[in-house]
N, C-alpha and C. Protein backbone atom coordinates (compact mmCIF):
# COMPACT_ATOMS: atom_id res chain seq x y z
N MET A 1 112.22 96.92 124.01
CA MET A 1 110.86 97.39 123.76
C MET A 1 110.72 98.84 124.20
N ASN A 2 109.94 99.62 123.47
CA ASN A 2 109.70 101.01 123.81
C ASN A 2 108.32 101.12 124.45
N SER A 3 108.27 101.33 125.75
CA SER A 3 107.00 101.31 126.46
C SER A 3 106.57 102.67 126.97
N THR A 4 107.35 103.70 126.71
CA THR A 4 107.06 105.01 127.30
C THR A 4 105.75 105.58 126.80
N ALA A 5 105.33 105.21 125.58
CA ALA A 5 104.12 105.79 125.01
C ALA A 5 102.90 104.94 125.22
N SER A 6 103.00 103.87 126.02
CA SER A 6 101.90 102.91 126.10
C SER A 6 100.87 103.26 127.16
N ASP A 7 101.16 104.19 128.06
CA ASP A 7 100.22 104.55 129.11
C ASP A 7 99.19 105.51 128.55
N THR A 8 97.95 105.02 128.38
CA THR A 8 96.89 105.85 127.80
C THR A 8 95.84 106.23 128.84
N SER A 9 96.13 106.04 130.14
CA SER A 9 95.15 106.34 131.18
C SER A 9 94.76 107.80 131.13
N GLY A 10 93.45 108.04 131.23
CA GLY A 10 92.95 109.41 131.24
C GLY A 10 92.78 110.04 129.88
N GLU A 11 93.09 109.33 128.82
CA GLU A 11 92.97 109.86 127.47
C GLU A 11 91.85 109.15 126.71
N THR A 12 91.25 109.84 125.76
CA THR A 12 90.38 109.16 124.83
C THR A 12 91.24 108.32 123.90
N LEU A 13 90.62 107.35 123.24
CA LEU A 13 91.36 106.49 122.34
C LEU A 13 92.01 107.30 121.22
N GLU A 14 91.28 108.22 120.64
CA GLU A 14 91.83 109.00 119.53
C GLU A 14 92.96 109.91 119.99
N ALA A 15 92.85 110.46 121.19
CA ALA A 15 93.93 111.29 121.72
C ALA A 15 95.18 110.45 121.97
N ALA A 16 94.99 109.24 122.51
CA ALA A 16 96.12 108.35 122.75
C ALA A 16 96.79 107.96 121.44
N LYS A 17 95.99 107.64 120.43
CA LYS A 17 96.56 107.28 119.12
C LYS A 17 97.35 108.45 118.54
N ALA A 18 96.79 109.65 118.64
CA ALA A 18 97.47 110.82 118.08
C ALA A 18 98.80 111.08 118.77
N ARG A 19 98.82 110.92 120.09
CA ARG A 19 100.05 111.16 120.84
C ARG A 19 101.12 110.12 120.47
N VAL A 20 100.73 108.85 120.46
CA VAL A 20 101.68 107.80 120.13
C VAL A 20 102.14 107.93 118.68
N ARG A 21 101.21 108.28 117.81
CA ARG A 21 101.55 108.42 116.39
C ARG A 21 102.64 109.48 116.20
N GLN A 22 102.49 110.62 116.82
CA GLN A 22 103.48 111.69 116.65
C GLN A 22 104.83 111.28 117.22
N GLU A 23 104.81 110.64 118.40
CA GLU A 23 106.08 110.21 119.00
C GLU A 23 106.81 109.23 118.10
N PHE A 24 106.07 108.28 117.52
CA PHE A 24 106.73 107.23 116.75
C PHE A 24 107.03 107.67 115.31
N LEU A 25 106.33 108.64 114.80
CA LEU A 25 106.73 109.22 113.51
C LEU A 25 108.09 109.91 113.67
N ASP A 26 108.26 110.64 114.76
CA ASP A 26 109.54 111.28 115.02
C ASP A 26 110.64 110.22 115.22
N ARG A 27 110.30 109.18 115.95
CA ARG A 27 111.28 108.12 116.21
C ARG A 27 111.66 107.39 114.93
N ARG A 28 110.67 107.13 114.06
CA ARG A 28 110.94 106.40 112.83
C ARG A 28 111.92 107.15 111.94
N ALA A 29 111.83 108.47 111.92
CA ALA A 29 112.76 109.27 111.12
C ALA A 29 114.20 109.05 111.60
N SER A 30 114.39 108.98 112.91
CA SER A 30 115.72 108.73 113.46
C SER A 30 116.19 107.31 113.15
N LEU A 31 115.27 106.36 113.21
CA LEU A 31 115.62 104.96 112.94
C LEU A 31 116.07 104.78 111.49
N LYS A 32 115.39 105.44 110.57
CA LYS A 32 115.77 105.33 109.17
C LYS A 32 117.20 105.83 108.96
N ALA A 33 117.53 106.94 109.57
CA ALA A 33 118.88 107.49 109.42
C ALA A 33 119.94 106.60 110.06
N ALA A 34 119.57 105.93 111.16
CA ALA A 34 120.53 105.13 111.92
C ALA A 34 120.70 103.71 111.36
N GLU A 35 119.77 103.26 110.50
CA GLU A 35 119.80 101.87 110.03
C GLU A 35 119.75 101.81 108.50
N PRO A 36 120.83 102.22 107.84
CA PRO A 36 120.81 102.27 106.38
C PRO A 36 120.71 100.91 105.70
N ASP A 37 121.02 99.83 106.42
CA ASP A 37 120.95 98.48 105.82
C ASP A 37 119.65 97.76 106.12
N ALA A 38 118.68 98.47 106.69
CA ALA A 38 117.43 97.82 107.11
C ALA A 38 116.69 97.18 105.95
N GLY A 39 116.70 97.80 104.78
CA GLY A 39 116.00 97.24 103.63
C GLY A 39 116.55 95.88 103.23
N ASN A 40 117.87 95.73 103.29
CA ASN A 40 118.49 94.46 102.96
C ASN A 40 118.18 93.40 104.02
N GLN A 41 118.16 93.82 105.28
CA GLN A 41 117.83 92.89 106.36
C GLN A 41 116.37 92.44 106.27
N ILE A 42 115.47 93.37 105.91
CA ILE A 42 114.07 93.01 105.72
C ILE A 42 113.93 92.00 104.58
N LYS A 43 114.69 92.20 103.52
CA LYS A 43 114.66 91.24 102.41
C LYS A 43 114.97 89.83 102.91
N ASP A 44 116.01 89.69 103.73
CA ASP A 44 116.39 88.39 104.25
C ASP A 44 115.28 87.80 105.13
N GLN A 45 114.65 88.63 105.94
CA GLN A 45 113.57 88.14 106.81
C GLN A 45 112.36 87.71 105.98
N VAL A 46 112.01 88.49 104.98
CA VAL A 46 110.87 88.14 104.13
C VAL A 46 111.13 86.84 103.39
N LEU A 47 112.33 86.67 102.87
CA LEU A 47 112.65 85.43 102.16
C LEU A 47 112.66 84.24 103.11
N SER A 48 113.06 84.45 104.35
CA SER A 48 113.01 83.39 105.35
C SER A 48 111.57 82.99 105.62
N LEU A 49 110.69 83.97 105.78
CA LEU A 49 109.27 83.69 106.00
C LEU A 49 108.66 83.03 104.77
N HIS A 50 109.04 83.50 103.60
CA HIS A 50 108.55 82.94 102.34
C HIS A 50 108.94 81.46 102.22
N LYS A 51 110.12 81.12 102.70
CA LYS A 51 110.59 79.72 102.65
C LYS A 51 109.74 78.82 103.54
N ASP A 52 109.39 79.33 104.74
CA ASP A 52 108.62 78.53 105.68
C ASP A 52 107.13 78.50 105.35
N GLN A 53 106.62 79.59 104.79
CA GLN A 53 105.20 79.69 104.46
C GLN A 53 105.11 80.25 103.04
N LEU A 54 105.16 79.35 102.07
CA LEU A 54 105.23 79.77 100.67
C LEU A 54 104.13 80.77 100.35
N PHE A 55 104.53 81.95 99.91
CA PHE A 55 103.57 83.01 99.65
C PHE A 55 102.77 82.74 98.39
N GLY A 56 101.51 83.15 98.41
CA GLY A 56 100.75 83.25 97.18
C GLY A 56 100.92 84.65 96.63
N LYS A 57 99.88 85.19 96.06
CA LYS A 57 99.94 86.55 95.52
C LYS A 57 100.17 87.53 96.68
N THR A 58 101.18 88.38 96.51
CA THR A 58 101.66 89.20 97.62
C THR A 58 101.57 90.68 97.31
N ALA A 59 100.93 91.42 98.21
CA ALA A 59 100.85 92.87 98.09
C ALA A 59 101.93 93.51 98.95
N GLY A 60 102.73 94.36 98.33
CA GLY A 60 103.72 95.14 99.07
C GLY A 60 103.28 96.59 99.14
N TYR A 61 104.25 97.50 99.17
CA TYR A 61 103.95 98.92 99.16
C TYR A 61 105.19 99.66 98.69
N VAL A 62 104.98 100.88 98.21
CA VAL A 62 106.08 101.79 97.88
C VAL A 62 106.26 102.72 99.07
N ALA A 63 107.43 102.70 99.67
CA ALA A 63 107.66 103.45 100.90
C ALA A 63 107.45 104.95 100.68
N ILE A 64 106.81 105.58 101.66
CA ILE A 64 106.59 107.02 101.67
C ILE A 64 107.36 107.60 102.85
N GLY A 65 108.10 108.66 102.62
CA GLY A 65 108.81 109.32 103.72
C GLY A 65 109.77 108.38 104.42
N ASP A 66 109.56 108.20 105.73
CA ASP A 66 110.47 107.40 106.54
C ASP A 66 110.03 105.96 106.71
N GLU A 67 109.01 105.51 105.96
CA GLU A 67 108.61 104.10 106.03
C GLU A 67 109.79 103.21 105.64
N LEU A 68 109.86 102.03 106.22
CA LEU A 68 110.92 101.10 105.89
C LEU A 68 110.72 100.60 104.46
N ASP A 69 111.72 100.81 103.62
CA ASP A 69 111.64 100.49 102.19
C ASP A 69 111.75 98.98 101.98
N ILE A 70 110.75 98.37 101.32
CA ILE A 70 110.77 96.93 101.06
C ILE A 70 111.07 96.63 99.59
N GLY A 71 111.64 97.59 98.88
CA GLY A 71 111.92 97.40 97.47
C GLY A 71 112.80 96.19 97.18
N LEU A 72 113.84 95.98 97.99
CA LEU A 72 114.73 94.84 97.79
C LEU A 72 113.99 93.52 98.03
N ALA A 73 113.13 93.50 99.03
CA ALA A 73 112.34 92.29 99.31
C ALA A 73 111.37 92.00 98.16
N MET A 74 110.75 93.03 97.64
CA MET A 74 109.81 92.84 96.52
C MET A 74 110.53 92.29 95.30
N SER A 75 111.69 92.84 94.99
CA SER A 75 112.45 92.37 93.83
C SER A 75 112.90 90.92 94.03
N ALA A 76 113.29 90.58 95.26
CA ALA A 76 113.70 89.21 95.53
C ALA A 76 112.53 88.24 95.39
N LEU A 77 111.35 88.63 95.86
CA LEU A 77 110.16 87.79 95.69
C LEU A 77 109.82 87.62 94.21
N TYR A 78 109.98 88.68 93.45
CA TYR A 78 109.72 88.61 92.01
C TYR A 78 110.64 87.59 91.35
N ARG A 79 111.90 87.58 91.75
CA ARG A 79 112.84 86.61 91.18
C ARG A 79 112.48 85.18 91.55
N ARG A 80 111.71 85.02 92.62
CA ARG A 80 111.22 83.70 93.00
C ARG A 80 109.84 83.40 92.40
N GLU A 81 109.46 84.21 91.42
CA GLU A 81 108.24 84.02 90.63
C GLU A 81 106.97 84.19 91.47
N THR A 82 107.05 85.03 92.50
CA THR A 82 105.86 85.40 93.27
C THR A 82 105.07 86.45 92.51
N VAL A 83 103.75 86.27 92.43
CA VAL A 83 102.89 87.29 91.83
C VAL A 83 102.78 88.46 92.80
N LEU A 84 103.15 89.65 92.35
CA LEU A 84 103.21 90.82 93.22
C LEU A 84 102.19 91.87 92.81
N CYS A 85 101.76 92.65 93.78
CA CYS A 85 100.84 93.75 93.49
C CYS A 85 101.06 94.86 94.50
N LEU A 86 100.47 96.02 94.20
CA LEU A 86 100.55 97.18 95.08
C LEU A 86 99.15 97.71 95.36
N PRO A 87 98.95 98.31 96.55
CA PRO A 87 97.64 98.87 96.88
C PRO A 87 97.37 100.16 96.10
N VAL A 88 96.10 100.36 95.81
CA VAL A 88 95.66 101.54 95.06
C VAL A 88 94.60 102.25 95.89
N ASN A 89 94.78 103.55 96.11
CA ASN A 89 93.79 104.33 96.85
C ASN A 89 93.38 105.56 96.04
N GLU A 90 93.03 105.33 94.81
CA GLU A 90 92.56 106.42 93.95
C GLU A 90 91.32 107.06 94.54
N ALA A 91 91.21 108.37 94.39
CA ALA A 91 90.05 109.13 94.84
C ALA A 91 89.77 108.93 96.33
N GLN A 92 90.80 108.52 97.09
CA GLN A 92 90.69 108.35 98.53
C GLN A 92 89.55 107.41 98.91
N ALA A 93 89.34 106.36 98.11
CA ALA A 93 88.33 105.35 98.43
C ALA A 93 88.71 104.66 99.73
N SER A 94 87.71 104.20 100.49
CA SER A 94 87.98 103.59 101.79
C SER A 94 88.69 102.25 101.66
N VAL A 95 88.22 101.41 100.73
CA VAL A 95 88.79 100.07 100.56
C VAL A 95 89.85 100.12 99.47
N LEU A 96 91.03 99.64 99.79
CA LEU A 96 92.11 99.59 98.80
C LEU A 96 91.83 98.49 97.78
N SER A 97 92.19 98.75 96.53
CA SER A 97 92.24 97.70 95.52
C SER A 97 93.72 97.43 95.24
N PHE A 98 94.00 96.43 94.42
CA PHE A 98 95.39 96.04 94.19
C PHE A 98 95.62 95.80 92.71
N ARG A 99 96.76 96.28 92.21
CA ARG A 99 97.13 96.10 90.81
C ARG A 99 98.49 95.41 90.71
N ALA A 100 98.63 94.57 89.69
CA ALA A 100 99.85 93.81 89.49
C ALA A 100 101.05 94.74 89.33
N TRP A 101 102.16 94.31 89.91
CA TRP A 101 103.41 95.07 89.84
C TRP A 101 104.57 94.13 89.58
N GLU A 102 105.54 94.61 88.83
CA GLU A 102 106.83 93.94 88.69
C GLU A 102 107.87 95.03 88.49
N PRO A 103 109.16 94.73 88.72
CA PRO A 103 110.18 95.76 88.52
C PRO A 103 110.07 96.38 87.13
N GLY A 104 110.06 97.70 87.09
CA GLY A 104 109.93 98.40 85.82
C GLY A 104 108.52 98.80 85.46
N SER A 105 107.54 98.40 86.27
CA SER A 105 106.15 98.78 86.00
C SER A 105 106.00 100.30 85.95
N VAL A 106 105.16 100.78 85.03
CA VAL A 106 104.85 102.21 84.98
C VAL A 106 104.02 102.57 86.20
N MET A 107 104.41 103.63 86.90
CA MET A 107 103.75 104.02 88.15
C MET A 107 103.13 105.40 88.00
N ILE A 108 102.04 105.61 88.72
CA ILE A 108 101.39 106.92 88.76
C ILE A 108 101.23 107.35 90.21
N GLY A 109 101.03 108.64 90.42
CA GLY A 109 100.90 109.17 91.77
C GLY A 109 99.47 109.17 92.25
N GLY A 110 99.29 109.01 93.55
CA GLY A 110 97.98 109.02 94.16
C GLY A 110 97.95 109.91 95.39
N PRO A 111 96.86 109.83 96.18
CA PRO A 111 96.74 110.66 97.38
C PRO A 111 97.83 110.36 98.41
N PHE A 112 98.18 111.35 99.22
CA PHE A 112 99.10 111.21 100.34
C PHE A 112 100.51 110.79 99.90
N GLY A 113 100.87 111.06 98.66
CA GLY A 113 102.20 110.72 98.18
C GLY A 113 102.37 109.28 97.75
N THR A 114 101.27 108.52 97.66
CA THR A 114 101.36 107.12 97.24
C THR A 114 101.68 107.01 95.76
N ARG A 115 102.21 105.84 95.37
CA ARG A 115 102.47 105.51 93.98
C ARG A 115 102.02 104.09 93.74
N PHE A 116 101.42 103.87 92.56
CA PHE A 116 100.92 102.54 92.25
C PHE A 116 100.84 102.37 90.74
N PRO A 117 100.67 101.11 90.26
CA PRO A 117 100.63 100.88 88.82
C PRO A 117 99.46 101.59 88.14
N GLU A 118 99.63 101.90 86.86
CA GLU A 118 98.59 102.61 86.12
C GLU A 118 97.35 101.74 85.94
N ALA A 119 96.28 102.36 85.46
CA ALA A 119 94.96 101.74 85.47
C ALA A 119 94.85 100.49 84.62
N ASN A 120 95.69 100.33 83.61
CA ASN A 120 95.58 99.15 82.76
C ASN A 120 96.31 97.93 83.33
N ALA A 121 96.93 98.07 84.50
CA ALA A 121 97.58 96.92 85.15
C ALA A 121 96.51 95.96 85.65
N GLU A 122 96.82 94.68 85.65
CA GLU A 122 95.86 93.65 86.04
C GLU A 122 95.46 93.79 87.50
N ALA A 123 94.16 93.63 87.78
CA ALA A 123 93.68 93.61 89.16
C ALA A 123 94.08 92.29 89.81
N VAL A 124 94.50 92.35 91.06
CA VAL A 124 94.96 91.17 91.80
C VAL A 124 94.26 91.12 93.15
N SER A 125 93.87 89.92 93.56
CA SER A 125 93.34 89.71 94.92
C SER A 125 94.43 89.02 95.73
N PRO A 126 95.10 89.71 96.63
CA PRO A 126 96.29 89.15 97.28
C PRO A 126 95.96 88.12 98.35
N ASP A 127 96.91 87.23 98.57
CA ASP A 127 96.85 86.25 99.66
C ASP A 127 97.65 86.71 100.87
N VAL A 128 98.68 87.53 100.61
CA VAL A 128 99.58 88.02 101.65
C VAL A 128 99.75 89.52 101.49
N LEU A 129 99.70 90.25 102.61
CA LEU A 129 99.93 91.68 102.58
C LEU A 129 101.13 92.03 103.44
N LEU A 130 102.03 92.84 102.90
CA LEU A 130 103.12 93.45 103.66
C LEU A 130 102.71 94.91 103.88
N VAL A 131 102.61 95.31 105.13
CA VAL A 131 101.91 96.54 105.48
C VAL A 131 102.85 97.50 106.22
N PRO A 132 102.93 98.75 105.80
CA PRO A 132 103.72 99.74 106.57
C PRO A 132 102.97 100.14 107.83
N LEU A 133 103.69 100.72 108.77
CA LEU A 133 103.04 101.14 110.02
C LEU A 133 103.88 102.19 110.73
N VAL A 134 103.27 102.77 111.75
CA VAL A 134 103.95 103.77 112.59
C VAL A 134 104.46 103.14 113.88
N ALA A 135 103.64 102.28 114.49
CA ALA A 135 104.03 101.59 115.73
C ALA A 135 103.32 100.24 115.76
N PHE A 136 103.90 99.30 116.53
CA PHE A 136 103.30 97.97 116.64
C PHE A 136 103.54 97.40 118.01
N ASP A 137 102.75 96.37 118.38
CA ASP A 137 103.05 95.58 119.57
C ASP A 137 103.09 94.11 119.18
N CYS A 138 103.52 93.28 120.12
CA CYS A 138 103.75 91.86 119.80
C CYS A 138 102.45 91.07 119.67
N SER A 139 101.33 91.68 119.97
CA SER A 139 100.04 91.01 119.76
C SER A 139 99.50 91.24 118.35
N GLY A 140 100.25 91.99 117.54
CA GLY A 140 99.83 92.21 116.16
C GLY A 140 99.01 93.46 115.95
N HIS A 141 98.89 94.30 116.97
CA HIS A 141 98.18 95.56 116.79
C HIS A 141 99.09 96.57 116.13
N ARG A 142 98.51 97.33 115.21
CA ARG A 142 99.27 98.25 114.37
C ARG A 142 98.68 99.65 114.49
N LEU A 143 99.56 100.63 114.59
CA LEU A 143 99.13 102.02 114.50
C LEU A 143 99.58 102.57 113.16
N GLY A 144 98.63 103.06 112.36
CA GLY A 144 98.95 103.66 111.09
C GLY A 144 98.82 105.16 111.14
N TYR A 145 98.44 105.75 110.00
CA TYR A 145 98.35 107.20 109.91
C TYR A 145 96.99 107.75 110.34
N GLY A 146 96.06 106.87 110.64
CA GLY A 146 94.76 107.31 111.11
C GLY A 146 93.68 107.41 110.05
N LYS A 147 94.00 107.04 108.81
CA LYS A 147 93.01 107.10 107.73
C LYS A 147 92.15 105.84 107.67
N GLY A 148 92.64 104.73 108.22
CA GLY A 148 91.85 103.50 108.29
C GLY A 148 91.83 102.65 107.04
N PHE A 149 92.67 102.97 106.04
CA PHE A 149 92.63 102.22 104.78
C PHE A 149 92.88 100.72 105.00
N TYR A 150 93.93 100.39 105.72
CA TYR A 150 94.25 98.98 105.90
C TYR A 150 93.27 98.28 106.83
N ASP A 151 92.77 98.98 107.85
CA ASP A 151 91.77 98.37 108.73
C ASP A 151 90.53 97.97 107.95
N ILE A 152 90.03 98.89 107.14
CA ILE A 152 88.82 98.62 106.36
C ILE A 152 89.09 97.56 105.30
N THR A 153 90.25 97.64 104.65
CA THR A 153 90.57 96.69 103.59
C THR A 153 90.74 95.28 104.13
N LEU A 154 91.45 95.12 105.23
CA LEU A 154 91.63 93.80 105.81
C LEU A 154 90.30 93.21 106.28
N ALA A 155 89.46 94.03 106.88
CA ALA A 155 88.15 93.54 107.30
C ALA A 155 87.36 93.03 106.10
N GLU A 156 87.45 93.74 104.99
CA GLU A 156 86.72 93.34 103.78
C GLU A 156 87.32 92.06 103.19
N LEU A 157 88.63 92.00 103.07
CA LEU A 157 89.28 90.82 102.49
C LEU A 157 89.05 89.58 103.35
N ARG A 158 89.00 89.74 104.65
CA ARG A 158 88.86 88.59 105.55
C ARG A 158 87.44 88.04 105.58
N LYS A 159 86.50 88.72 104.98
CA LYS A 159 85.13 88.20 104.91
C LYS A 159 85.07 86.93 104.08
N ASP A 160 85.83 86.89 102.99
CA ASP A 160 85.72 85.80 102.03
C ASP A 160 87.01 85.04 101.79
N ASN A 161 88.12 85.52 102.32
CA ASN A 161 89.41 84.92 102.00
C ASN A 161 90.26 84.74 103.24
N SER A 162 91.20 83.82 103.14
CA SER A 162 92.20 83.65 104.19
C SER A 162 93.40 84.50 103.83
N ILE A 163 93.54 85.63 104.51
CA ILE A 163 94.58 86.61 104.21
C ILE A 163 95.61 86.62 105.33
N ALA A 164 96.88 86.60 104.96
CA ALA A 164 97.94 86.78 105.95
C ALA A 164 98.50 88.19 105.81
N ALA A 165 98.48 88.95 106.88
CA ALA A 165 98.95 90.33 106.85
C ALA A 165 100.09 90.52 107.84
N TYR A 166 101.23 91.01 107.33
CA TYR A 166 102.42 91.21 108.16
C TYR A 166 102.83 92.68 108.12
N GLY A 167 102.97 93.29 109.29
CA GLY A 167 103.51 94.63 109.35
C GLY A 167 105.01 94.61 109.14
N VAL A 168 105.53 95.68 108.56
CA VAL A 168 106.97 95.82 108.34
C VAL A 168 107.44 97.08 109.06
N ALA A 169 108.45 96.93 109.92
CA ALA A 169 108.85 98.06 110.75
C ALA A 169 110.27 97.88 111.26
N TYR A 170 110.86 98.98 111.71
CA TYR A 170 112.10 98.93 112.46
C TYR A 170 111.81 98.36 113.85
N ASP A 171 112.81 97.71 114.46
CA ASP A 171 112.62 97.19 115.81
C ASP A 171 112.21 98.29 116.79
N GLY A 172 112.73 99.48 116.59
CA GLY A 172 112.46 100.58 117.50
C GLY A 172 111.07 101.15 117.41
N GLN A 173 110.24 100.60 116.52
CA GLN A 173 108.84 101.04 116.43
C GLN A 173 107.92 100.23 117.34
N GLU A 174 108.49 99.33 118.13
CA GLU A 174 107.68 98.50 119.02
C GLU A 174 107.26 99.28 120.27
N ILE A 175 106.03 99.05 120.69
CA ILE A 175 105.48 99.63 121.91
C ILE A 175 104.84 98.49 122.70
N GLU A 176 104.74 98.66 124.00
CA GLU A 176 104.17 97.59 124.83
C GLU A 176 102.75 97.26 124.40
N SER A 177 101.93 98.28 124.18
CA SER A 177 100.55 98.05 123.77
C SER A 177 100.07 99.21 122.92
N VAL A 178 99.70 98.93 121.68
CA VAL A 178 99.17 99.97 120.78
C VAL A 178 97.74 100.31 121.19
N PRO A 179 97.40 101.59 121.35
CA PRO A 179 96.01 101.94 121.62
C PRO A 179 95.11 101.45 120.48
N HIS A 180 94.06 100.70 120.79
CA HIS A 180 93.23 100.12 119.74
C HIS A 180 91.85 99.79 120.27
N ASP A 181 90.93 99.54 119.32
CA ASP A 181 89.63 98.99 119.67
C ASP A 181 89.32 97.84 118.70
N VAL A 182 88.09 97.31 118.75
CA VAL A 182 87.75 96.12 117.96
C VAL A 182 87.71 96.41 116.46
N PHE A 183 87.70 97.67 116.07
CA PHE A 183 87.64 98.01 114.65
C PHE A 183 89.03 98.14 114.02
N ASP A 184 90.07 98.05 114.82
CA ASP A 184 91.44 98.12 114.31
C ASP A 184 91.90 96.72 113.93
N ALA A 185 92.17 96.50 112.66
CA ALA A 185 92.53 95.17 112.17
C ALA A 185 93.85 94.71 112.78
N ARG A 186 93.86 93.46 113.22
CA ARG A 186 95.03 92.88 113.86
C ARG A 186 95.85 92.14 112.82
N LEU A 187 97.18 92.28 112.89
CA LEU A 187 98.07 91.64 111.94
C LEU A 187 98.43 90.23 112.39
N ASP A 188 98.83 89.40 111.41
CA ASP A 188 99.27 88.03 111.73
C ASP A 188 100.69 88.00 112.26
N GLY A 189 101.43 89.04 112.00
CA GLY A 189 102.80 89.09 112.48
C GLY A 189 103.48 90.39 112.09
N ILE A 190 104.68 90.57 112.59
CA ILE A 190 105.49 91.75 112.31
C ILE A 190 106.86 91.28 111.81
N ILE A 191 107.36 91.93 110.77
CA ILE A 191 108.69 91.65 110.25
C ILE A 191 109.57 92.86 110.51
N THR A 192 110.66 92.66 111.23
CA THR A 192 111.62 93.73 111.50
C THR A 192 112.98 93.30 110.96
N PRO A 193 113.96 94.19 110.94
CA PRO A 193 115.28 93.79 110.45
C PRO A 193 115.91 92.65 111.23
N SER A 194 115.51 92.44 112.49
CA SER A 194 116.17 91.42 113.31
C SER A 194 115.34 90.17 113.57
N ARG A 195 114.03 90.21 113.28
CA ARG A 195 113.20 89.08 113.69
C ARG A 195 111.85 89.09 112.98
N ILE A 196 111.17 87.94 113.11
CA ILE A 196 109.79 87.80 112.68
C ILE A 196 108.97 87.49 113.92
N ILE A 197 107.98 88.32 114.21
CA ILE A 197 107.15 88.17 115.41
C ILE A 197 105.77 87.70 114.96
N LEU A 198 105.42 86.48 115.27
CA LEU A 198 104.08 85.99 114.94
C LEU A 198 103.14 86.35 116.08
N SER A 199 101.97 86.85 115.74
CA SER A 199 101.02 87.31 116.76
C SER A 199 100.52 86.12 117.57
N ASP A 200 100.17 86.38 118.83
CA ASP A 200 99.63 85.31 119.66
C ASP A 200 98.23 84.94 119.18
N SER A 201 97.69 83.85 119.70
CA SER A 201 96.44 83.31 119.18
C SER A 201 95.21 84.05 119.66
N GLU A 202 95.34 84.84 120.72
CA GLU A 202 94.18 85.56 121.24
C GLU A 202 93.90 86.77 120.35
N SER A 203 92.63 87.05 120.15
CA SER A 203 92.26 88.19 119.32
C SER A 203 91.08 88.90 119.93
N ASP A 204 91.09 90.23 119.85
CA ASP A 204 89.95 91.01 120.35
C ASP A 204 89.19 91.62 119.18
N GLU A 205 89.37 91.05 117.96
CA GLU A 205 88.60 91.51 116.82
C GLU A 205 87.18 90.97 116.91
N PRO A 206 86.21 91.65 116.32
CA PRO A 206 84.85 91.11 116.31
C PRO A 206 84.79 89.87 115.46
N ALA A 207 83.89 88.95 115.84
CA ALA A 207 83.73 87.71 115.08
C ALA A 207 83.09 88.01 113.73
């Protein structure tokens, strides 16, 4: 576990998040270079989880920069006839929408280097989300880029649906405790190249 960045005493929450975010963005770049087989290992972990908890409609992501690439996992799920989709953040809207995806889908570019299916792709309401992140802890707290897209989207989806959300990360992205408050959406688990970490039952999210 990487605990050096977990001491936030004397800092505001936003300052602590910014400090941890920069440290782990730098670390993630090194992890990507050091673990070239991570995408294949993630595929095996996702398929293992899929076997134990049969997925419904599943939202993945297209990796940006040093994010852990889940392309192999997505293709493997497709071969198992899982309905797949990708998040859409056109016009920098706060709540993500989702469009159907399969290998070979026509993709267009969006804000922050994102890519997603074109506008005529079918809209999908996912049951499972695979979520990129910068840092995580074993309680399911996630640090992202600070834009809040997934926090807002998960809060909205959880109003009416039972959604399972799993972060995807290198093992070295773990921290003892991610700086967070009640508005930061908590994940159901974390998938790394070596393990699946299911979050504990306690939650500090608002009811």
